[in-house]
Amino acid sequence: MIDLVFSQLSDVFRIGLIIALVVTMLRTSTVTGRVLPLVAGVVFVAVILPTTMPSSSGHIRDAIIAGLISNLIILVPVLVLARLFAHLRR
């Protein structure tokens, strides 16, 4: 499971999706809020990638759980960088 999380942390496509999720959340936060879109997006990315990409990891449930963990690990620095960028723009 740890190897699976580490392999997902280096997935450029997953990182790009999380960055796009944060950018979209920031642009639509006045209408949709912040927490619900982030939670839905993290779960969506964690489920959609293992179900659509061929892998030899075995159980899809393990890949989804590892995806949730890696998405949250990726989300934290992306949110920090977005907050820093917004603070520097002011």
PDB file of N, CA and C in Angstrom:
ATOM      1  N   MET A   1       0.828  -1.191   0.000  1.00  0.00           N
ATOM      2  CA  MET A   1       0.000   0.000   0.000  1.00  0.00           C
ATOM      3  C   MET A   1       0.875   1.259   0.000  1.00  0.00           C
ATOM      4  N   ILE A   2       1.948   1.241   0.742  1.00  0.00           N
ATOM      5  CA  ILE A   2       2.835   2.412   0.785  1.00  0.00           C
ATOM      6  C   ILE A   2       3.475   2.646  -0.573  1.00  0.00           C
ATOM      7  N   ASP A   3       3.874   1.571  -1.242  1.00  0.00           N
ATOM      8  CA  ASP A   3       4.439   1.706  -2.587  1.00  0.00           C
ATOM      9  C   ASP A   3       3.417   2.286  -3.565  1.00  0.00           C
ATOM     10  N   LEU A   4       2.178   1.887  -3.407  1.00  0.00           N
ATOM     11  CA  LEU A   4       1.117   2.390  -4.270  1.00  0.00           C
ATOM     12  C   LEU A   4       0.894   3.890  -4.047  1.00  0.00           C
ATOM     13  N   VAL A   5       0.913   4.315  -2.789  1.00  0.00           N
ATOM     14  CA  VAL A   5       0.756   5.745  -2.483  1.00  0.00           C
ATOM     15  C   VAL A   5       1.925   6.531  -3.064  1.00  0.00           C
ATOM     16  N   PHE A   6       3.146   6.036  -2.890  1.00  0.00           N
ATOM     17  CA  PHE A   6       4.310   6.739  -3.424  1.00  0.00           C
ATOM     18  C   PHE A   6       4.285   6.810  -4.946  1.00  0.00           C
ATOM     19  N   SER A   7       3.822   5.766  -5.584  1.00  0.00           N
ATOM     20  CA  SER A   7       3.740   5.810  -7.045  1.00  0.00           C
ATOM     21  C   SER A   7       2.674   6.800  -7.502  1.00  0.00           C
ATOM     22  N   GLN A   8       1.597   6.916  -6.757  1.00  0.00           N
ATOM     23  CA  GLN A   8       0.554   7.874  -7.112  1.00  0.00           C
ATOM     24  C   GLN A   8       0.976   9.308  -6.822  1.00  0.00           C
ATOM     25  N   LEU A   9       1.829   9.504  -5.836  1.00  0.00           N
ATOM     26  CA  LEU A   9       2.315  10.856  -5.528  1.00  0.00           C
ATOM     27  C   LEU A   9       3.166  11.423  -6.655  1.00  0.00           C
ATOM     28  N   SER A  10       3.780  10.564  -7.430  1.00  0.00           N
ATOM     29  CA  SER A  10       4.618  11.034  -8.537  1.00  0.00           C
ATOM     30  C   SER A  10       3.876  11.038  -9.871  1.00  0.00           C
ATOM     31  N   ASP A  11       2.578  10.774  -9.860  1.00  0.00           N
ATOM     32  CA  ASP A  11       1.773  10.766 -11.070  1.00  0.00           C
ATOM     33  C   ASP A  11       1.470  12.203 -11.497  1.00  0.00           C
ATOM     34  N   VAL A  12       2.034  12.623 -12.605  1.00  0.00           N
ATOM     35  CA  VAL A  12       1.893  14.002 -13.080  1.00  0.00           C
ATOM     36  C   VAL A  12       0.436  14.318 -13.424  1.00  0.00           C
ATOM     37  N   PHE A  13      -0.276  13.357 -13.969  1.00  0.00           N
ATOM     38  CA  PHE A  13      -1.677  13.562 -14.316  1.00  0.00           C
ATOM     39  C   PHE A  13      -2.511  13.833 -13.068  1.00  0.00           C
ATOM     40  N   ARG A  14      -2.266  13.088 -11.997  1.00  0.00           N
ATOM     41  CA  ARG A  14      -2.980  13.273 -10.727  1.00  0.00           C
ATOM     42  C   ARG A  14      -2.663  14.649 -10.142  1.00  0.00           C
ATOM     43  N   ILE A  15      -1.409  15.039 -10.181  1.00  0.00           N
ATOM     44  CA  ILE A  15      -1.018  16.350  -9.661  1.00  0.00           C
ATOM     45  C   ILE A  15      -1.697  17.456 -10.467  1.00  0.00           C
ATOM     46  N   GLY A  16      -1.727  17.315 -11.778  1.00  0.00           N
ATOM     47  CA  GLY A  16      -2.382  18.308 -12.626  1.00  0.00           C
ATOM     48  C   GLY A  16      -3.867  18.412 -12.341  1.00  0.00           C
ATOM     49  N   LEU A  17      -4.521  17.277 -12.106  1.00  0.00           N
ATOM     50  CA  LEU A  17      -5.947  17.297 -11.786  1.00  0.00           C
ATOM     51  C   LEU A  17      -6.215  17.987 -10.448  1.00  0.00           C
ATOM     52  N   ILE A  18      -5.363  17.771  -9.474  1.00  0.00           N
ATOM     53  CA  ILE A  18      -5.546  18.412  -8.169  1.00  0.00           C
ATOM     54  C   ILE A  18      -5.306  19.915  -8.284  1.00  0.00           C
ATOM     55  N   ILE A  19      -4.309  20.323  -9.062  1.00  0.00           N
ATOM     56  CA  ILE A  19      -4.080  21.759  -9.275  1.00  0.00           C
ATOM     57  C   ILE A  19      -5.274  22.386  -9.977  1.00  0.00           C
ATOM     58  N   ALA A  20      -5.791  21.726 -11.006  1.00  0.00           N
ATOM     59  CA  ALA A  20      -6.972  22.231 -11.708  1.00  0.00           C
ATOM     60  C   ALA A  20      -8.180  22.287 -10.779  1.00  0.00           C
ATOM     61  N   LEU A  21      -8.302  21.329  -9.879  1.00  0.00           N
ATOM     62  CA  LEU A  21      -9.386  21.327  -8.905  1.00  0.00           C
ATOM     63  C   LEU A  21      -9.312  22.553  -7.999  1.00  0.00           C
ATOM     64  N   VAL A  22      -8.129  22.879  -7.528  1.00  0.00           N
ATOM     65  CA  VAL A  22      -7.964  24.036  -6.644  1.00  0.00           C
ATOM     66  C   VAL A  22      -8.238  25.332  -7.405  1.00  0.00           C
ATOM     67  N   VAL A  23      -7.746  25.447  -8.614  1.00  0.00           N
ATOM     68  CA  VAL A  23      -7.996  26.652  -9.414  1.00  0.00           C
ATOM     69  C   VAL A  23      -9.489  26.821  -9.666  1.00  0.00           C
ATOM     70  N   THR A  24     -10.159  25.738 -10.018  1.00  0.00           N
ATOM     71  CA  THR A  24     -11.606  25.797 -10.250  1.00  0.00           C
ATOM     72  C   THR A  24     -12.347  26.149  -8.968  1.00  0.00           C
ATOM     73  N   MET A  25     -11.934  25.577  -7.856  1.00  0.00           N
ATOM     74  CA  MET A  25     -12.562  25.874  -6.579  1.00  0.00           C
ATOM     75  C   MET A  25     -12.416  27.344  -6.234  1.00  0.00           C
ATOM     76  N   LEU A  26     -11.243  27.914  -6.475  1.00  0.00           N
ATOM     77  CA  LEU A  26     -11.026  29.325  -6.170  1.00  0.00           C
ATOM     78  C   LEU A  26     -11.878  30.231  -7.050  1.00  0.00           C
ATOM     79  N   ARG A  27     -12.030  29.864  -8.300  1.00  0.00           N
ATOM     80  CA  ARG A  27     -12.822  30.693  -9.222  1.00  0.00           C
ATOM     81  C   ARG A  27     -14.317  30.616  -8.944  1.00  0.00           C
ATOM     82  N   THR A  28     -14.789  29.496  -8.435  1.00  0.00           N
ATOM     83  CA  THR A  28     -16.234  29.321  -8.227  1.00  0.00           C
ATOM     84  C   THR A  28     -16.622  29.318  -6.748  1.00  0.00           C
ATOM     85  N   SER A  29     -15.727  29.701  -5.869  1.00  0.00           N
ATOM     86  CA  SER A  29     -15.991  29.592  -4.432  1.00  0.00           C
ATOM     87  C   SER A  29     -17.130  30.488  -3.959  1.00  0.00           C
ATOM     88  N   THR A  30     -17.400  31.592  -4.637  1.00  0.00           N
ATOM     89  CA  THR A  30     -18.494  32.454  -4.209  1.00  0.00           C
ATOM     90  C   THR A  30     -19.847  31.793  -4.435  1.00  0.00           C
ATOM     91  N   VAL A  31     -19.933  30.908  -5.398  1.00  0.00           N
ATOM     92  CA  VAL A  31     -21.205  30.250  -5.708  1.00  0.00           C
ATOM     93  C   VAL A  31     -21.301  28.891  -5.029  1.00  0.00           C
ATOM     94  N   THR A  32     -20.242  28.092  -5.095  1.00  0.00           N
ATOM     95  CA  THR A  32     -20.306  26.709  -4.634  1.00  0.00           C
ATOM     96  C   THR A  32     -19.660  26.468  -3.274  1.00  0.00           C
ATOM     97  N   GLY A  33     -18.936  27.442  -2.756  1.00  0.00           N
ATOM     98  CA  GLY A  33     -18.223  27.231  -1.511  1.00  0.00           C
ATOM     99  C   GLY A  33     -16.849  26.645  -1.772  1.00  0.00           C
ATOM    100  N   ARG A  34     -16.211  26.209  -0.712  1.00  0.00           N
ATOM    101  CA  ARG A  34     -14.847  25.681  -0.851  1.00  0.00           C
ATOM    102  C   ARG A  34     -14.728  24.212  -0.451  1.00  0.00           C
ATOM    103  N   VAL A  35     -15.332  23.842   0.635  1.00  0.00           N
ATOM    104  CA  VAL A  35     -15.112  22.499   1.182  1.00  0.00           C
ATOM    105  C   VAL A  35     -15.755  21.416   0.323  1.00  0.00           C
ATOM    106  N   LEU A  36     -17.015  21.573  -0.004  1.00  0.00           N
ATOM    107  CA  LEU A  36     -17.716  20.541  -0.770  1.00  0.00           C
ATOM    108  C   LEU A  36     -17.080  20.275  -2.137  1.00  0.00           C
ATOM    109  N   PRO A  37     -16.711  21.311  -2.918  1.00  0.00           N
ATOM    110  CA  PRO A  37     -16.037  21.016  -4.191  1.00  0.00           C
ATOM    111  C   PRO A  37     -14.687  20.319  -4.013  1.00  0.00           C
ATOM    112  N   LEU A  38     -13.950  20.679  -2.963  1.00  0.00           N
ATOM    113  CA  LEU A  38     -12.663  20.017  -2.737  1.00  0.00           C
ATOM    114  C   LEU A  38     -12.858  18.548  -2.370  1.00  0.00           C
ATOM    115  N   VAL A  39     -13.792  18.281  -1.486  1.00  0.00           N
ATOM    116  CA  VAL A  39     -14.050  16.889  -1.087  1.00  0.00           C
ATOM    117  C   VAL A  39     -14.527  16.072  -2.283  1.00  0.00           C
ATOM    118  N   ALA A  40     -15.473  16.620  -3.025  1.00  0.00           N
ATOM    119  CA  ALA A  40     -15.993  15.904  -4.195  1.00  0.00           C
ATOM    120  C   ALA A  40     -14.904  15.687  -5.244  1.00  0.00           C
ATOM    121  N   GLY A  41     -14.062  16.683  -5.446  1.00  0.00           N
ATOM    122  CA  GLY A  41     -12.996  16.555  -6.430  1.00  0.00           C
ATOM    123  C   GLY A  41     -11.942  15.544  -6.037  1.00  0.00           C
ATOM    124  N   VAL A  42     -11.568  15.538  -4.769  1.00  0.00           N
ATOM    125  CA  VAL A  42     -10.570  14.581  -4.291  1.00  0.00           C
ATOM    126  C   VAL A  42     -11.102  13.155  -4.433  1.00  0.00           C
ATOM    127  N   VAL A  43     -12.352  12.939  -4.066  1.00  0.00           N
ATOM    128  CA  VAL A  43     -12.947  11.607  -4.206  1.00  0.00           C
ATOM    129  C   VAL A  43     -13.074  11.235  -5.684  1.00  0.00           C
ATOM    130  N   PHE A  44     -13.494  12.181  -6.508  1.00  0.00           N
ATOM    131  CA  PHE A  44     -13.646  11.911  -7.940  1.00  0.00           C
ATOM    132  C   PHE A  44     -12.323  11.477  -8.564  1.00  0.00           C
ATOM    133  N   VAL A  45     -11.259  12.218  -8.286  1.00  0.00           N
ATOM    134  CA  VAL A  45      -9.949  11.876  -8.854  1.00  0.00           C
ATOM    135  C   VAL A  45      -9.477  10.528  -8.317  1.00  0.00           C
ATOM    136  N   ALA A  46      -9.728  10.265  -7.035  1.00  0.00           N
ATOM    137  CA  ALA A  46      -9.291   8.995  -6.444  1.00  0.00           C
ATOM    138  C   ALA A  46     -10.014   7.806  -7.053  1.00  0.00           C
ATOM    139  N   VAL A  47     -11.261   8.000  -7.476  1.00  0.00           N
ATOM    140  CA  VAL A  47     -12.037   6.891  -8.046  1.00  0.00           C
ATOM    141  C   VAL A  47     -11.824   6.781  -9.549  1.00  0.00           C
ATOM    142  N   ILE A  48     -11.812   7.909 -10.241  1.00  0.00           N
ATOM    143  CA  ILE A  48     -11.797   7.871 -11.706  1.00  0.00           C
ATOM    144  C   ILE A  48     -10.458   7.370 -12.268  1.00  0.00           C
ATOM    145  N   LEU A  49      -9.357   7.728 -11.665  1.00  0.00           N
ATOM    146  CA  LEU A  49      -8.062   7.297 -12.215  1.00  0.00           C
ATOM    147  C   LEU A  49      -7.864   5.792 -12.156  1.00  0.00           C
ATOM    148  N   PRO A  50      -8.078   5.133 -11.031  1.00  0.00           N
ATOM    149  CA  PRO A  50      -7.877   3.676 -11.031  1.00  0.00           C
ATOM    150  C   PRO A  50      -8.904   2.912 -11.868  1.00  0.00           C
ATOM    151  N   THR A  51     -10.102   3.477 -12.014  1.00  0.00           N
ATOM    152  CA  THR A  51     -11.115   2.752 -12.777  1.00  0.00           C
ATOM    153  C   THR A  51     -10.957   2.911 -14.280  1.00  0.00           C
ATOM    154  N   THR A  52     -10.285   3.965 -14.718  1.00  0.00           N
ATOM    155  CA  THR A  52     -10.125   4.171 -16.156  1.00  0.00           C
ATOM    156  C   THR A  52      -8.730   3.844 -16.671  1.00  0.00           C
ATOM    157  N   MET A  53      -7.740   3.854 -15.831  1.00  0.00           N
ATOM    158  CA  MET A  53      -6.372   3.574 -16.253  1.00  0.00           C
ATOM    159  C   MET A  53      -6.050   2.103 -15.989  1.00  0.00           C
ATOM    160  N   PRO A  54      -5.461   1.443 -16.947  1.00  0.00           N
ATOM    161  CA  PRO A  54      -5.066   0.042 -16.705  1.00  0.00           C
ATOM    162  C   PRO A  54      -3.898  -0.003 -15.723  1.00  0.00           C
ATOM    163  N   SER A  55      -3.998  -0.912 -14.779  1.00  0.00           N
ATOM    164  CA  SER A  55      -2.898  -1.058 -13.821  1.00  0.00           C
ATOM    165  C   SER A  55      -2.766  -2.516 -13.426  1.00  0.00           C
ATOM    166  N   SER A  56      -1.615  -2.826 -12.898  1.00  0.00           N
ATOM    167  CA  SER A  56      -1.360  -4.195 -12.451  1.00  0.00           C
ATOM    168  C   SER A  56      -1.344  -4.271 -10.935  1.00  0.00           C
ATOM    169  N   SER A  57      -1.968  -3.296 -10.266  1.00  0.00           N
ATOM    170  CA  SER A  57      -1.896  -3.229  -8.812  1.00  0.00           C
ATOM    171  C   SER A  57      -2.783  -4.257  -8.116  1.00  0.00           C
ATOM    172  N   GLY A  58      -3.724  -4.847  -8.821  1.00  0.00           N
ATOM    173  CA  GLY A  58      -4.566  -5.844  -8.185  1.00  0.00           C
ATOM    174  C   GLY A  58      -5.934  -5.307  -7.846  1.00  0.00           C
ATOM    175  N   HIS A  59      -6.186  -5.100  -6.588  1.00  0.00           N
ATOM    176  CA  HIS A  59      -7.503  -4.672  -6.123  1.00  0.00           C
ATOM    177  C   HIS A  59      -7.734  -3.194  -6.382  1.00  0.00           C
ATOM    178  N   ILE A  60      -8.875  -2.897  -6.953  1.00  0.00           N
ATOM    179  CA  ILE A  60      -9.227  -1.509  -7.263  1.00  0.00           C
ATOM    180  C   ILE A  60      -9.538  -0.737  -5.984  1.00  0.00           C
ATOM    181  N   ARG A  61     -10.043  -1.439  -4.965  1.00  0.00           N
ATOM    182  CA  ARG A  61     -10.337  -0.797  -3.683  1.00  0.00           C
ATOM    183  C   ARG A  61      -9.066  -0.242  -3.048  1.00  0.00           C
ATOM    184  N   ASP A  62      -7.975  -1.014  -3.103  1.00  0.00           N
ATOM    185  CA  ASP A  62      -6.701  -0.541  -2.563  1.00  0.00           C
ATOM    186  C   ASP A  62      -6.192   0.673  -3.327  1.00  0.00           C
ATOM    187  N   ALA A  63      -6.379   0.671  -4.640  1.00  0.00           N
ATOM    188  CA  ALA A  63      -5.944   1.802  -5.460  1.00  0.00           C
ATOM    189  C   ALA A  63      -6.754   3.055  -5.137  1.00  0.00           C
ATOM    190  N   ILE A  64      -8.041   2.898  -4.853  1.00  0.00           N
ATOM    191  CA  ILE A  64      -8.872   4.055  -4.510  1.00  0.00           C
ATOM    192  C   ILE A  64      -8.495   4.596  -3.144  1.00  0.00           C
ATOM    193  N   ILE A  65      -8.272   3.738  -2.178  1.00  0.00           N
ATOM    194  CA  ILE A  65      -7.857   4.189  -0.844  1.00  0.00           C
ATOM    195  C   ILE A  65      -6.505   4.883  -0.914  1.00  0.00           C
ATOM    196  N   ALA A  66      -5.570   4.299  -1.652  1.00  0.00           N
ATOM    197  CA  ALA A  66      -4.264   4.935  -1.821  1.00  0.00           C
ATOM    198  C   ALA A  66      -4.413   6.257  -2.565  1.00  0.00           C
ATOM    199  N   GLY A  67      -5.353   6.328  -3.513  1.00  0.00           N
ATOM    200  CA  GLY A  67      -5.609   7.562  -4.237  1.00  0.00           C
ATOM    201  C   GLY A  67      -6.137   8.656  -3.332  1.00  0.00           C
ATOM    202  N   LEU A  68      -7.024   8.306  -2.414  1.00  0.00           N
ATOM    203  CA  LEU A  68      -7.527   9.291  -1.454  1.00  0.00           C
ATOM    204  C   LEU A  68      -6.402   9.848  -0.592  1.00  0.00           C
ATOM    205  N   ILE A  69      -5.539   8.961  -0.141  1.00  0.00           N
ATOM    206  CA  ILE A  69      -4.417   9.391   0.698  1.00  0.00           C
ATOM    207  C   ILE A  69      -3.464  10.275  -0.097  1.00  0.00           C
ATOM    208  N   SER A  70      -3.096   9.852  -1.291  1.00  0.00           N
ATOM    209  CA  SER A  70      -2.149  10.636  -2.087  1.00  0.00           C
ATOM    210  C   SER A  70      -2.769  11.954  -2.552  1.00  0.00           C
ATOM    211  N   ASN A  71      -4.065  11.961  -2.855  1.00  0.00           N
ATOM    212  CA  ASN A  71      -4.721  13.213  -3.247  1.00  0.00           C
ATOM    213  C   ASN A  71      -4.694  14.224  -2.107  1.00  0.00           C
ATOM    214  N   LEU A  72      -4.934  13.770  -0.894  1.00  0.00           N
ATOM    215  CA  LEU A  72      -4.891  14.680   0.255  1.00  0.00           C
ATOM    216  C   LEU A  72      -3.475  15.193   0.504  1.00  0.00           C
ATOM    217  N   ILE A  73      -2.492  14.324   0.306  1.00  0.00           N
ATOM    218  CA  ILE A  73      -1.096  14.749   0.474  1.00  0.00           C
ATOM    219  C   ILE A  73      -0.728  15.786  -0.582  1.00  0.00           C
ATOM    220  N   ILE A  74      -1.196  15.613  -1.797  1.00  0.00           N
ATOM    221  CA  ILE A  74      -0.923  16.573  -2.873  1.00  0.00           C
ATOM    222  C   ILE A  74      -1.718  17.859  -2.653  1.00  0.00           C
ATOM    223  N   LEU A  75      -2.938  17.737  -2.152  1.00  0.00           N
ATOM    224  CA  LEU A  75      -3.825  18.892  -1.988  1.00  0.00           C
ATOM    225  C   LEU A  75      -3.282  19.909  -0.992  1.00  0.00           C
ATOM    226  N   VAL A  76      -2.670  19.457   0.062  1.00  0.00           N
ATOM    227  CA  VAL A  76      -2.193  20.376   1.110  1.00  0.00           C
ATOM    228  C   VAL A  76      -1.177  21.376   0.567  1.00  0.00           C
ATOM    229  N   PRO A  77      -0.085  20.956  -0.077  1.00  0.00           N
ATOM    230  CA  PRO A  77       0.851  21.974  -0.586  1.00  0.00           C
ATOM    231  C   PRO A  77       0.266  22.833  -1.700  1.00  0.00           C
ATOM    232  N   VAL A  78      -0.648  22.274  -2.499  1.00  0.00           N
ATOM    233  CA  VAL A  78      -1.273  23.064  -3.556  1.00  0.00           C
ATOM    234  C   VAL A  78      -2.118  24.172  -2.935  1.00  0.00           C
ATOM    235  N   LEU A  79      -2.863  23.857  -1.873  1.00  0.00           N
ATOM    236  CA  LEU A  79      -3.652  24.879  -1.187  1.00  0.00           C
ATOM    237  C   LEU A  79      -2.766  25.927  -0.526  1.00  0.00           C
ATOM    238  N   VAL A  80      -1.648  25.493   0.040  1.00  0.00           N
ATOM    239  CA  VAL A  80      -0.709  26.442   0.661  1.00  0.00           C
ATOM    240  C   VAL A  80      -0.127  27.369  -0.397  1.00  0.00           C
ATOM    241  N   LEU A  81       0.268  26.825  -1.533  1.00  0.00           N
ATOM    242  CA  LEU A  81       0.806  27.657  -2.601  1.00  0.00           C
ATOM    243  C   LEU A  81      -0.246  28.604  -3.169  1.00  0.00           C
ATOM    244  N   ALA A  82      -1.482  28.149  -3.295  1.00  0.00           N
ATOM    245  CA  ALA A  82      -2.555  29.013  -3.780  1.00  0.00           C
ATOM    246  C   ALA A  82      -2.811  30.147  -2.804  1.00  0.00           C
ATOM    247  N   ARG A  83      -2.797  29.831  -1.532  1.00  0.00           N
ATOM    248  CA  ARG A  83      -2.994  30.866  -0.498  1.00  0.00           C
ATOM    249  C   ARG A  83      -1.840  31.862  -0.513  1.00  0.00           C
ATOM    250  N   LEU A  84      -0.617  31.384  -0.646  1.00  0.00           N
ATOM    251  CA  LEU A  84       0.549  32.260  -0.708  1.00  0.00           C
ATOM    252  C   LEU A  84       0.500  33.140  -1.938  1.00  0.00           C
ATOM    253  N   PHE A  85       0.133  32.565  -3.065  1.00  0.00           N
ATOM    254  CA  PHE A  85       0.027  33.319  -4.313  1.00  0.00           C
ATOM    255  C   PHE A  85      -1.046  34.413  -4.196  1.00  0.00           C
ATOM    256  N   ALA A  86      -2.186  34.077  -3.596  1.00  0.00           N
ATOM    257  CA  ALA A  86      -3.250  35.067  -3.415  1.00  0.00           C
ATOM    258  C   ALA A  86      -2.815  36.169  -2.461  1.00  0.00           C
ATOM    259  N   HIS A  87      -2.060  35.805  -1.449  1.00  0.00           N
ATOM    260  CA  HIS A  87      -1.576  36.810  -0.486  1.00  0.00           C
ATOM    261  C   HIS A  87      -0.551  37.741  -1.146  1.00  0.00           C
ATOM    262  N   LEU A  88       0.301  37.211  -2.003  1.00  0.00           N
ATOM    263  CA  LEU A  88       1.310  38.035  -2.667  1.00  0.00           C
ATOM    264  C   LEU A  88       0.711  38.940  -3.725  1.00  0.00           C
ATOM    265  N   ARG A  89      -0.425  38.558  -4.288  1.00  0.00           N
ATOM    266  CA  ARG A  89      -1.078  39.386  -5.310  1.00  0.00           C
ATOM    267  C   ARG A  89      -1.701  40.637  -4.729  1.00  0.00           C
ATOM    268  N   ARG A  90      -2.005  40.629  -3.439  1.00  0.00           N
ATOM    269  CA  ARG A  90      -2.646  41.771  -2.793  1.00  0.00           C
ATOM    270  C   ARG A  90      -1.689  42.853  -2.458  1.00  0.00           C
TER     271      ARG A  90
END
